[in-house]
N, C-alpha and C. Protein backbone atom coordinates (compact mmCIF):
# COMPACT_ATOMS: atom_id res chain seq x y z
N MET A 1 42.32 -21.23 4.74
CA MET A 1 41.72 -20.00 4.24
C MET A 1 41.63 -19.01 5.40
N THR A 2 42.05 -17.80 5.14
CA THR A 2 42.00 -16.79 6.18
C THR A 2 40.56 -16.35 6.44
N ALA A 3 40.37 -15.71 7.56
CA ALA A 3 39.03 -15.23 7.91
C ALA A 3 38.53 -14.22 6.88
N LEU A 4 39.42 -13.39 6.38
CA LEU A 4 39.03 -12.40 5.38
C LEU A 4 38.55 -13.08 4.10
N LYS A 5 39.28 -14.10 3.66
CA LYS A 5 38.89 -14.82 2.44
C LYS A 5 37.54 -15.51 2.64
N ARG A 6 37.35 -16.15 3.80
CA ARG A 6 36.07 -16.81 4.08
C ARG A 6 34.93 -15.80 4.06
N THR A 7 35.16 -14.63 4.64
CA THR A 7 34.14 -13.59 4.66
C THR A 7 33.81 -13.13 3.25
N LEU A 8 34.83 -12.93 2.43
CA LEU A 8 34.60 -12.49 1.05
C LEU A 8 33.86 -13.56 0.24
N VAL A 9 34.20 -14.81 0.45
CA VAL A 9 33.50 -15.90 -0.23
C VAL A 9 32.04 -15.95 0.21
N LEU A 10 31.80 -15.77 1.49
CA LEU A 10 30.43 -15.78 2.01
C LEU A 10 29.63 -14.62 1.43
N ILE A 11 30.22 -13.43 1.40
CA ILE A 11 29.52 -12.26 0.83
C ILE A 11 29.22 -12.50 -0.64
N ALA A 12 30.19 -13.02 -1.37
CA ALA A 12 29.97 -13.29 -2.80
C ALA A 12 28.87 -14.32 -2.99
N SER A 13 28.84 -15.34 -2.15
CA SER A 13 27.81 -16.38 -2.24
C SER A 13 26.43 -15.81 -1.97
N VAL A 14 26.32 -14.99 -0.95
CA VAL A 14 25.03 -14.38 -0.62
C VAL A 14 24.58 -13.49 -1.76
N GLY A 15 25.49 -12.71 -2.32
CA GLY A 15 25.15 -11.86 -3.46
C GLY A 15 24.67 -12.67 -4.64
N PHE A 16 25.32 -13.80 -4.91
CA PHE A 16 24.91 -14.66 -6.02
C PHE A 16 23.53 -15.24 -5.78
N VAL A 17 23.29 -15.74 -4.58
CA VAL A 17 21.98 -16.32 -4.25
C VAL A 17 20.90 -15.26 -4.33
N THR A 18 21.18 -14.06 -3.81
CA THR A 18 20.20 -12.98 -3.86
C THR A 18 19.89 -12.61 -5.30
N THR A 19 20.92 -12.52 -6.14
CA THR A 19 20.71 -12.20 -7.54
C THR A 19 19.90 -13.29 -8.22
N ALA A 20 20.23 -14.55 -7.97
CA ALA A 20 19.49 -15.65 -8.58
C ALA A 20 18.05 -15.65 -8.08
N ARG A 21 17.83 -15.35 -6.83
CA ARG A 21 16.49 -15.32 -6.25
C ARG A 21 15.66 -14.22 -6.89
N ALA A 22 16.29 -13.06 -7.11
CA ALA A 22 15.56 -11.93 -7.68
C ALA A 22 15.12 -12.22 -9.11
N GLN A 23 15.78 -13.13 -9.78
CA GLN A 23 15.45 -13.43 -11.16
C GLN A 23 14.30 -14.43 -11.28
N THR A 24 13.73 -14.89 -10.18
CA THR A 24 12.66 -15.87 -10.26
C THR A 24 11.30 -15.23 -10.48
N ALA A 25 11.19 -13.91 -10.31
CA ALA A 25 9.91 -13.23 -10.50
C ALA A 25 9.54 -13.25 -11.99
N ASP A 26 8.36 -13.75 -12.29
CA ASP A 26 7.88 -13.81 -13.66
C ASP A 26 6.45 -13.26 -13.70
N PRO A 27 6.27 -12.04 -14.21
CA PRO A 27 4.94 -11.45 -14.24
C PRO A 27 3.91 -12.27 -15.02
N THR A 28 4.35 -13.02 -16.01
CA THR A 28 3.42 -13.87 -16.76
C THR A 28 2.86 -14.97 -15.86
N ILE A 29 3.72 -15.58 -15.08
CA ILE A 29 3.26 -16.57 -14.10
C ILE A 29 2.39 -15.88 -13.05
N GLY A 30 2.78 -14.68 -12.65
CA GLY A 30 1.99 -13.92 -11.67
C GLY A 30 0.57 -13.67 -12.16
N ARG A 31 0.42 -13.36 -13.44
CA ARG A 31 -0.92 -13.15 -14.00
C ARG A 31 -1.74 -14.44 -13.96
N ARG A 32 -1.12 -15.54 -14.35
CA ARG A 32 -1.85 -16.83 -14.32
C ARG A 32 -2.27 -17.17 -12.89
N LEU A 33 -1.40 -16.94 -11.94
CA LEU A 33 -1.75 -17.19 -10.54
C LEU A 33 -2.88 -16.26 -10.10
N ALA A 34 -2.82 -15.01 -10.52
CA ALA A 34 -3.88 -14.06 -10.18
C ALA A 34 -5.22 -14.51 -10.76
N GLU A 35 -5.20 -15.02 -11.98
CA GLU A 35 -6.44 -15.51 -12.61
C GLU A 35 -7.05 -16.66 -11.82
N THR A 36 -6.21 -17.56 -11.34
CA THR A 36 -6.72 -18.75 -10.67
C THR A 36 -6.92 -18.58 -9.17
N THR A 37 -6.18 -17.65 -8.56
CA THR A 37 -6.20 -17.53 -7.11
C THR A 37 -6.91 -16.27 -6.62
N CYS A 38 -6.83 -15.20 -7.38
CA CYS A 38 -7.24 -13.88 -6.87
C CYS A 38 -8.48 -13.31 -7.54
N ALA A 39 -8.77 -13.75 -8.77
CA ALA A 39 -9.81 -13.10 -9.58
C ALA A 39 -11.23 -13.26 -9.03
N GLU A 40 -11.43 -14.19 -8.13
CA GLU A 40 -12.76 -14.34 -7.54
C GLU A 40 -13.13 -13.10 -6.72
N CYS A 41 -12.13 -12.44 -6.14
CA CYS A 41 -12.38 -11.27 -5.29
C CYS A 41 -11.82 -9.97 -5.85
N HIS A 42 -10.74 -10.04 -6.64
CA HIS A 42 -10.07 -8.84 -7.16
C HIS A 42 -10.23 -8.74 -8.67
N GLN A 43 -10.37 -7.52 -9.16
CA GLN A 43 -10.23 -7.29 -10.59
C GLN A 43 -8.73 -7.26 -10.85
N ILE A 44 -8.24 -8.23 -11.62
CA ILE A 44 -6.79 -8.40 -11.71
C ILE A 44 -6.13 -7.52 -12.77
N ASP A 45 -6.89 -6.91 -13.66
CA ASP A 45 -6.39 -5.87 -14.56
C ASP A 45 -7.59 -5.12 -15.12
N ALA A 46 -7.34 -4.07 -15.87
CA ALA A 46 -8.43 -3.22 -16.33
C ALA A 46 -9.40 -3.95 -17.26
N ALA A 47 -8.92 -4.98 -17.97
CA ALA A 47 -9.77 -5.71 -18.90
C ALA A 47 -10.49 -6.90 -18.26
N ALA A 48 -10.08 -7.27 -17.07
CA ALA A 48 -10.67 -8.45 -16.40
C ALA A 48 -12.03 -8.10 -15.82
N PRO A 49 -12.88 -9.10 -15.66
CA PRO A 49 -14.19 -8.84 -15.04
C PRO A 49 -14.02 -8.34 -13.61
N ASP A 50 -14.88 -7.40 -13.24
CA ASP A 50 -14.88 -6.87 -11.88
C ASP A 50 -15.80 -7.74 -11.05
N PRO A 51 -15.30 -8.34 -9.96
CA PRO A 51 -16.15 -9.21 -9.15
C PRO A 51 -17.23 -8.44 -8.39
N GLY A 52 -17.16 -7.12 -8.45
CA GLY A 52 -18.20 -6.32 -7.82
C GLY A 52 -17.85 -5.90 -6.41
N PRO A 53 -18.67 -5.03 -5.85
CA PRO A 53 -18.36 -4.48 -4.53
C PRO A 53 -18.58 -5.45 -3.38
N ARG A 54 -19.18 -6.59 -3.65
CA ARG A 54 -19.48 -7.52 -2.56
C ARG A 54 -18.23 -7.96 -1.81
N THR A 55 -17.11 -7.99 -2.47
CA THR A 55 -15.88 -8.45 -1.80
C THR A 55 -15.16 -7.32 -1.09
N GLY A 56 -15.31 -6.11 -1.59
CA GLY A 56 -14.58 -4.98 -1.01
C GLY A 56 -13.10 -5.02 -1.31
N ALA A 57 -12.67 -5.93 -2.15
CA ALA A 57 -11.26 -6.09 -2.47
C ALA A 57 -10.86 -5.07 -3.54
N PRO A 58 -9.73 -4.40 -3.36
CA PRO A 58 -9.30 -3.42 -4.36
C PRO A 58 -8.85 -4.11 -5.64
N SER A 59 -8.96 -3.37 -6.75
CA SER A 59 -8.44 -3.91 -8.01
C SER A 59 -6.92 -3.92 -7.93
N PHE A 60 -6.32 -4.80 -8.69
CA PHE A 60 -4.85 -4.86 -8.71
C PHE A 60 -4.26 -3.61 -9.34
N VAL A 61 -4.97 -2.98 -10.28
CA VAL A 61 -4.49 -1.72 -10.85
C VAL A 61 -4.42 -0.67 -9.74
N ALA A 62 -5.47 -0.58 -8.92
CA ALA A 62 -5.47 0.38 -7.80
C ALA A 62 -4.33 0.08 -6.83
N VAL A 63 -4.12 -1.19 -6.52
CA VAL A 63 -3.03 -1.57 -5.62
C VAL A 63 -1.69 -1.16 -6.22
N SER A 64 -1.53 -1.38 -7.52
CA SER A 64 -0.25 -1.08 -8.17
C SER A 64 0.07 0.41 -8.13
N ARG A 65 -0.95 1.24 -8.02
CA ARG A 65 -0.74 2.69 -8.02
C ARG A 65 -0.63 3.30 -6.63
N MET A 66 -0.81 2.50 -5.59
CA MET A 66 -0.66 3.01 -4.22
C MET A 66 0.83 3.23 -3.94
N SER A 67 1.18 4.44 -3.54
CA SER A 67 2.60 4.75 -3.34
C SER A 67 3.24 3.88 -2.26
N ALA A 68 2.47 3.48 -1.27
CA ALA A 68 3.02 2.64 -0.19
C ALA A 68 3.18 1.18 -0.61
N MET A 69 2.54 0.78 -1.69
CA MET A 69 2.60 -0.61 -2.11
C MET A 69 3.77 -0.85 -3.05
N THR A 70 4.93 -0.91 -2.45
CA THR A 70 6.12 -1.29 -3.21
C THR A 70 6.04 -2.79 -3.48
N GLU A 71 6.92 -3.26 -4.30
CA GLU A 71 6.95 -4.70 -4.56
C GLU A 71 7.21 -5.47 -3.26
N LEU A 72 8.10 -4.94 -2.43
CA LEU A 72 8.37 -5.59 -1.15
C LEU A 72 7.13 -5.58 -0.26
N ALA A 73 6.40 -4.48 -0.22
CA ALA A 73 5.18 -4.41 0.60
C ALA A 73 4.15 -5.43 0.14
N ILE A 74 4.03 -5.62 -1.16
CA ILE A 74 3.09 -6.62 -1.69
C ILE A 74 3.53 -8.02 -1.26
N LYS A 75 4.82 -8.29 -1.33
CA LYS A 75 5.33 -9.61 -0.92
C LYS A 75 5.05 -9.87 0.56
N VAL A 76 5.29 -8.86 1.39
CA VAL A 76 5.02 -9.01 2.82
C VAL A 76 3.53 -9.24 3.05
N PHE A 77 2.70 -8.48 2.36
CA PHE A 77 1.25 -8.63 2.49
C PHE A 77 0.82 -10.05 2.15
N LEU A 78 1.37 -10.59 1.06
CA LEU A 78 0.99 -11.94 0.62
C LEU A 78 1.48 -13.03 1.56
N GLN A 79 2.42 -12.71 2.42
CA GLN A 79 2.93 -13.70 3.38
C GLN A 79 2.28 -13.57 4.75
N THR A 80 1.37 -12.61 4.89
CA THR A 80 0.75 -12.32 6.17
C THR A 80 -0.72 -12.68 6.13
N SER A 81 -1.21 -13.29 7.17
CA SER A 81 -2.63 -13.65 7.25
C SER A 81 -3.47 -12.39 7.43
N HIS A 82 -4.60 -12.32 6.72
CA HIS A 82 -5.52 -11.20 6.83
C HIS A 82 -6.93 -11.76 6.99
N PRO A 83 -7.70 -11.22 7.91
CA PRO A 83 -9.05 -11.76 8.17
C PRO A 83 -9.99 -11.69 6.98
N THR A 84 -9.77 -10.75 6.08
CA THR A 84 -10.67 -10.60 4.94
C THR A 84 -10.24 -11.42 3.72
N MET A 85 -9.10 -12.09 3.83
CA MET A 85 -8.61 -12.90 2.70
C MET A 85 -8.48 -14.35 3.11
N PRO A 86 -8.71 -15.24 2.15
CA PRO A 86 -8.44 -16.66 2.43
C PRO A 86 -6.93 -16.84 2.69
N ASN A 87 -6.59 -17.85 3.43
CA ASN A 87 -5.18 -18.15 3.67
C ASN A 87 -4.64 -19.00 2.54
N PHE A 88 -3.97 -18.36 1.61
CA PHE A 88 -3.35 -19.06 0.50
C PHE A 88 -1.95 -19.46 0.91
N VAL A 89 -1.51 -20.59 0.44
CA VAL A 89 -0.13 -21.00 0.65
C VAL A 89 0.56 -20.86 -0.70
N LEU A 90 1.40 -19.85 -0.78
CA LEU A 90 2.13 -19.57 -2.02
C LEU A 90 3.61 -19.77 -1.77
N THR A 91 4.30 -20.27 -2.77
CA THR A 91 5.75 -20.42 -2.67
C THR A 91 6.39 -19.04 -2.78
N PRO A 92 7.63 -18.90 -2.34
CA PRO A 92 8.31 -17.62 -2.51
C PRO A 92 8.37 -17.18 -3.98
N ASP A 93 8.58 -18.12 -4.90
CA ASP A 93 8.61 -17.77 -6.32
C ASP A 93 7.23 -17.27 -6.80
N GLU A 94 6.17 -17.89 -6.32
CA GLU A 94 4.82 -17.44 -6.69
C GLU A 94 4.55 -16.05 -6.14
N ILE A 95 4.95 -15.80 -4.92
CA ILE A 95 4.78 -14.48 -4.32
C ILE A 95 5.56 -13.43 -5.13
N ASP A 96 6.79 -13.75 -5.48
CA ASP A 96 7.60 -12.84 -6.29
C ASP A 96 6.92 -12.54 -7.62
N SER A 97 6.36 -13.57 -8.25
CA SER A 97 5.73 -13.40 -9.55
C SER A 97 4.44 -12.59 -9.47
N ILE A 98 3.63 -12.83 -8.46
CA ILE A 98 2.40 -12.04 -8.30
C ILE A 98 2.75 -10.58 -8.01
N ALA A 99 3.73 -10.36 -7.15
CA ALA A 99 4.14 -8.98 -6.84
C ALA A 99 4.67 -8.28 -8.09
N ALA A 100 5.46 -8.97 -8.88
CA ALA A 100 5.98 -8.38 -10.12
C ALA A 100 4.84 -8.07 -11.09
N TYR A 101 3.87 -8.96 -11.17
CA TYR A 101 2.72 -8.73 -12.04
C TYR A 101 1.95 -7.49 -11.59
N ILE A 102 1.65 -7.40 -10.30
CA ILE A 102 0.87 -6.27 -9.80
C ILE A 102 1.63 -4.96 -10.03
N LYS A 103 2.91 -4.92 -9.69
CA LYS A 103 3.67 -3.68 -9.89
C LYS A 103 3.77 -3.33 -11.37
N GLY A 104 3.81 -4.31 -12.24
CA GLY A 104 3.86 -4.04 -13.67
C GLY A 104 2.59 -3.37 -14.19
N LEU A 105 1.48 -3.56 -13.51
CA LEU A 105 0.23 -2.95 -13.93
C LEU A 105 0.28 -1.43 -13.85
N ALA A 106 1.01 -0.89 -12.91
CA ALA A 106 1.12 0.56 -12.76
C ALA A 106 1.76 1.19 -14.00
N ARG A 107 2.67 0.47 -14.61
CA ARG A 107 3.33 0.98 -15.81
C ARG A 107 2.46 0.82 -17.05
N LYS A 108 1.65 -0.25 -17.10
CA LYS A 108 0.85 -0.56 -18.28
C LYS A 108 -0.46 0.21 -18.34
N GLU A 109 -1.13 0.35 -17.23
CA GLU A 109 -2.53 0.78 -17.20
C GLU A 109 -2.68 2.22 -16.72
N ARG A 110 -2.01 3.14 -17.32
CA ARG A 110 -2.15 4.54 -16.94
C ARG A 110 -3.48 5.08 -17.43
N PRO A 111 -4.14 5.93 -16.61
CA PRO A 111 -5.45 6.49 -17.04
C PRO A 111 -5.32 7.45 -18.19
């Protein structure tokens, strides 16, 4: 196989893996994870109970409407340790699903 063919096969493989990876985000799973992992400190949607100001944690609706909080920014945030948050160990698929859920709130919950 020539170097060009190997390169094309590699590029095609990476594209396939990236496409398959992007399809693992499931907002329904993200909501369930938010209910079990995040709801103690965050209001996870407009209908969910508000844990109150004691946590200082923003609601997920507010996060979803922040212009700087792209889906990628949410994923990076969830992979980074923060002093005000417990250290959760989430799989990449769980992170993708939570990020998709949060970003989906911006479309659903308009004022």
